[in-house]
Amino acid sequence: MGCYRVRNIKHAHQLLDHKKLEKTAFYIRLLNFESDEWHIAHATNLEEENKLIEAGFEFIRYSEKDQVAKYWKRK
């Protein structure tokens, strides 16, 4: 399980492995920004996913390439 501090949309775009920046921007527009810093985390198994959900992380997507589930939450 990894956790990263995100400071801008391009950094989030790279960590989330979206093909288009517009996709990342779409998800970010849905959120109410109180802070522009985010934690990005990934889980490789169900136990890690449960820990992230209990810690307040929200599921973003599953990366077939890396075989990890990606989550985020506001710092």
N, C-alpha and C. Protein backbone atom coordinates (compact mmCIF):
# COMPACT_ATOMS: atom_id res chain seq x y z
N MET A 1 0.86 -1.16 0.00
CA MET A 1 0.00 0.00 0.00
C MET A 1 0.91 1.23 0.00
N GLY A 2 0.62 2.17 -0.89
CA GLY A 2 1.40 3.40 -0.94
C GLY A 2 0.51 4.60 -0.75
N CYS A 3 1.09 5.67 -0.24
CA CYS A 3 0.34 6.90 -0.03
C CYS A 3 1.20 8.06 -0.49
N TYR A 4 0.63 8.97 -1.29
CA TYR A 4 1.38 10.07 -1.85
C TYR A 4 0.66 11.38 -1.59
N ARG A 5 1.42 12.44 -1.39
CA ARG A 5 0.84 13.76 -1.23
C ARG A 5 0.75 14.42 -2.59
N VAL A 6 -0.44 14.88 -2.96
CA VAL A 6 -0.66 15.46 -4.28
C VAL A 6 -0.87 16.95 -4.13
N ARG A 7 -0.17 17.73 -4.94
CA ARG A 7 -0.25 19.18 -4.82
C ARG A 7 -0.91 19.87 -5.99
N ASN A 8 -1.04 19.18 -7.12
CA ASN A 8 -1.70 19.80 -8.26
C ASN A 8 -2.30 18.74 -9.17
N ILE A 9 -3.10 19.20 -10.11
CA ILE A 9 -3.85 18.27 -10.96
C ILE A 9 -2.92 17.42 -11.83
N LYS A 10 -1.82 17.96 -12.31
CA LYS A 10 -0.92 17.17 -13.16
C LYS A 10 -0.28 16.04 -12.37
N HIS A 11 0.06 16.32 -11.14
CA HIS A 11 0.63 15.28 -10.28
C HIS A 11 -0.41 14.19 -10.03
N ALA A 12 -1.65 14.59 -9.75
CA ALA A 12 -2.73 13.62 -9.55
C ALA A 12 -2.94 12.80 -10.82
N HIS A 13 -2.90 13.46 -11.96
CA HIS A 13 -3.07 12.80 -13.25
C HIS A 13 -2.04 11.70 -13.45
N GLN A 14 -0.80 11.97 -13.11
CA GLN A 14 0.26 10.98 -13.26
C GLN A 14 0.07 9.81 -12.29
N LEU A 15 -0.25 10.12 -11.04
CA LEU A 15 -0.41 9.06 -10.05
C LEU A 15 -1.62 8.18 -10.34
N LEU A 16 -2.69 8.78 -10.86
CA LEU A 16 -3.90 8.03 -11.14
C LEU A 16 -3.82 7.27 -12.45
N ASP A 17 -2.81 7.59 -13.25
CA ASP A 17 -2.58 6.89 -14.51
C ASP A 17 -3.74 7.04 -15.48
N HIS A 18 -4.38 8.22 -15.46
CA HIS A 18 -5.42 8.50 -16.45
C HIS A 18 -4.76 8.78 -17.79
N LYS A 19 -5.41 8.37 -18.86
CA LYS A 19 -4.85 8.61 -20.18
C LYS A 19 -4.97 10.08 -20.59
N LYS A 20 -6.06 10.72 -20.13
CA LYS A 20 -6.29 12.12 -20.49
C LYS A 20 -6.42 12.97 -19.23
N LEU A 21 -5.81 14.14 -19.27
CA LEU A 21 -5.89 15.08 -18.16
C LEU A 21 -7.33 15.51 -17.92
N GLU A 22 -8.13 15.54 -18.97
CA GLU A 22 -9.53 15.93 -18.84
C GLU A 22 -10.30 14.99 -17.91
N LYS A 23 -9.94 13.71 -17.91
CA LYS A 23 -10.61 12.76 -17.03
C LYS A 23 -10.32 13.08 -15.56
N THR A 24 -9.06 13.38 -15.27
CA THR A 24 -8.70 13.76 -13.90
C THR A 24 -9.42 15.05 -13.52
N ALA A 25 -9.44 16.01 -14.43
CA ALA A 25 -10.10 17.29 -14.17
C ALA A 25 -11.59 17.10 -13.91
N PHE A 26 -12.21 16.17 -14.63
CA PHE A 26 -13.64 15.90 -14.43
C PHE A 26 -13.90 15.46 -13.00
N TYR A 27 -13.11 14.52 -12.50
CA TYR A 27 -13.32 14.03 -11.15
C TYR A 27 -13.02 15.11 -10.11
N ILE A 28 -12.03 15.91 -10.35
CA ILE A 28 -11.68 16.97 -9.41
C ILE A 28 -12.78 18.02 -9.35
N ARG A 29 -13.43 18.32 -10.47
CA ARG A 29 -14.53 19.30 -10.48
C ARG A 29 -15.71 18.83 -9.64
N LEU A 30 -15.86 17.54 -9.48
CA LEU A 30 -16.96 17.01 -8.69
C LEU A 30 -16.76 17.23 -7.19
N LEU A 31 -15.55 17.55 -6.82
CA LEU A 31 -15.21 17.68 -5.41
C LEU A 31 -15.26 19.13 -4.96
N ASN A 32 -15.52 19.33 -3.69
CA ASN A 32 -15.48 20.66 -3.09
C ASN A 32 -14.09 20.84 -2.50
N PHE A 33 -13.26 21.67 -3.12
CA PHE A 33 -11.89 21.82 -2.66
C PHE A 33 -11.80 22.74 -1.45
N GLU A 34 -11.38 22.19 -0.35
CA GLU A 34 -11.02 23.00 0.81
C GLU A 34 -9.51 23.15 0.84
N SER A 35 -8.84 22.21 0.24
CA SER A 35 -7.39 22.19 0.18
C SER A 35 -7.00 21.64 -1.18
N ASP A 36 -5.85 22.03 -1.69
CA ASP A 36 -5.41 21.49 -2.96
C ASP A 36 -4.40 20.36 -2.77
N GLU A 37 -4.30 19.84 -1.56
CA GLU A 37 -3.39 18.74 -1.30
C GLU A 37 -4.17 17.46 -1.03
N TRP A 38 -3.75 16.39 -1.67
CA TRP A 38 -4.44 15.11 -1.59
C TRP A 38 -3.45 14.00 -1.28
N HIS A 39 -3.92 12.98 -0.64
CA HIS A 39 -3.17 11.75 -0.46
C HIS A 39 -3.71 10.77 -1.49
N ILE A 40 -2.82 10.16 -2.25
CA ILE A 40 -3.18 9.11 -3.19
C ILE A 40 -2.59 7.82 -2.64
N ALA A 41 -3.38 6.77 -2.60
CA ALA A 41 -2.91 5.49 -2.07
C ALA A 41 -3.32 4.37 -3.01
N HIS A 42 -2.60 3.28 -2.93
CA HIS A 42 -2.99 2.13 -3.72
C HIS A 42 -2.97 0.87 -2.86
N ALA A 43 -3.80 -0.08 -3.24
CA ALA A 43 -3.91 -1.33 -2.50
C ALA A 43 -3.81 -2.49 -3.48
N THR A 44 -3.12 -3.53 -3.05
CA THR A 44 -2.95 -4.70 -3.91
C THR A 44 -3.79 -5.89 -3.46
N ASN A 45 -4.47 -5.74 -2.32
CA ASN A 45 -5.32 -6.84 -1.85
C ASN A 45 -6.48 -6.27 -1.03
N LEU A 46 -7.43 -7.14 -0.71
CA LEU A 46 -8.65 -6.72 -0.02
C LEU A 46 -8.36 -6.14 1.36
N GLU A 47 -7.41 -6.71 2.08
CA GLU A 47 -7.08 -6.20 3.42
C GLU A 47 -6.58 -4.76 3.34
N GLU A 48 -5.71 -4.47 2.38
CA GLU A 48 -5.21 -3.10 2.21
C GLU A 48 -6.34 -2.15 1.82
N GLU A 49 -7.25 -2.62 0.95
CA GLU A 49 -8.39 -1.78 0.56
C GLU A 49 -9.27 -1.46 1.76
N ASN A 50 -9.54 -2.44 2.59
CA ASN A 50 -10.36 -2.20 3.79
C ASN A 50 -9.72 -1.17 4.71
N LYS A 51 -8.40 -1.24 4.88
CA LYS A 51 -7.69 -0.27 5.73
C LYS A 51 -7.82 1.14 5.17
N LEU A 52 -7.70 1.27 3.85
CA LEU A 52 -7.83 2.59 3.23
C LEU A 52 -9.25 3.15 3.40
N ILE A 53 -10.24 2.31 3.19
CA ILE A 53 -11.63 2.75 3.34
C ILE A 53 -11.89 3.16 4.78
N GLU A 54 -11.40 2.40 5.74
CA GLU A 54 -11.57 2.75 7.16
C GLU A 54 -10.86 4.05 7.51
N ALA A 55 -9.79 4.37 6.77
CA ALA A 55 -9.04 5.61 7.01
C ALA A 55 -9.65 6.80 6.26
N GLY A 56 -10.77 6.57 5.56
CA GLY A 56 -11.46 7.68 4.90
C GLY A 56 -11.10 7.89 3.44
N PHE A 57 -10.37 6.96 2.84
CA PHE A 57 -10.03 7.08 1.42
C PHE A 57 -11.23 6.70 0.56
N GLU A 58 -11.30 7.29 -0.64
CA GLU A 58 -12.36 6.99 -1.60
C GLU A 58 -11.74 6.30 -2.80
N PHE A 59 -12.43 5.28 -3.29
CA PHE A 59 -11.97 4.54 -4.46
C PHE A 59 -12.01 5.42 -5.70
N ILE A 60 -10.97 5.34 -6.51
CA ILE A 60 -10.92 6.10 -7.76
C ILE A 60 -11.06 5.15 -8.95
N ARG A 61 -10.15 4.19 -9.03
CA ARG A 61 -10.16 3.28 -10.17
C ARG A 61 -9.26 2.09 -9.91
N TYR A 62 -9.40 1.08 -10.73
CA TYR A 62 -8.51 -0.08 -10.68
C TYR A 62 -7.59 -0.01 -11.89
N SER A 63 -6.29 -0.12 -11.66
CA SER A 63 -5.31 -0.09 -12.73
C SER A 63 -4.98 -1.51 -13.15
N GLU A 64 -5.45 -1.89 -14.33
CA GLU A 64 -5.14 -3.22 -14.86
C GLU A 64 -3.64 -3.38 -15.06
N LYS A 65 -3.01 -2.31 -15.54
CA LYS A 65 -1.57 -2.35 -15.84
C LYS A 65 -0.76 -2.67 -14.58
N ASP A 66 -1.06 -1.96 -13.48
CA ASP A 66 -0.30 -2.14 -12.24
C ASP A 66 -0.94 -3.16 -11.30
N GLN A 67 -2.16 -3.57 -11.61
CA GLN A 67 -2.94 -4.49 -10.79
C GLN A 67 -3.09 -3.99 -9.35
N VAL A 68 -3.47 -2.72 -9.24
CA VAL A 68 -3.72 -2.10 -7.94
C VAL A 68 -5.00 -1.27 -8.00
N ALA A 69 -5.66 -1.17 -6.86
CA ALA A 69 -6.81 -0.28 -6.72
C ALA A 69 -6.28 1.05 -6.21
N LYS A 70 -6.73 2.15 -6.81
CA LYS A 70 -6.23 3.47 -6.44
C LYS A 70 -7.31 4.23 -5.67
N TYR A 71 -6.89 4.90 -4.60
CA TYR A 71 -7.77 5.64 -3.70
C TYR A 71 -7.18 7.02 -3.46
N TRP A 72 -8.05 7.94 -2.99
CA TRP A 72 -7.57 9.25 -2.58
C TRP A 72 -8.41 9.82 -1.46
N LYS A 73 -7.82 10.80 -0.75
CA LYS A 73 -8.56 11.59 0.23
C LYS A 73 -7.82 12.90 0.40
N ARG A 74 -8.59 13.89 0.80
CA ARG A 74 -8.02 15.23 1.01
C ARG A 74 -7.08 15.20 2.20
N LYS A 75 -6.01 15.93 2.10
CA LYS A 75 -5.05 16.02 3.21
C LYS A 75 -5.67 16.73 4.37
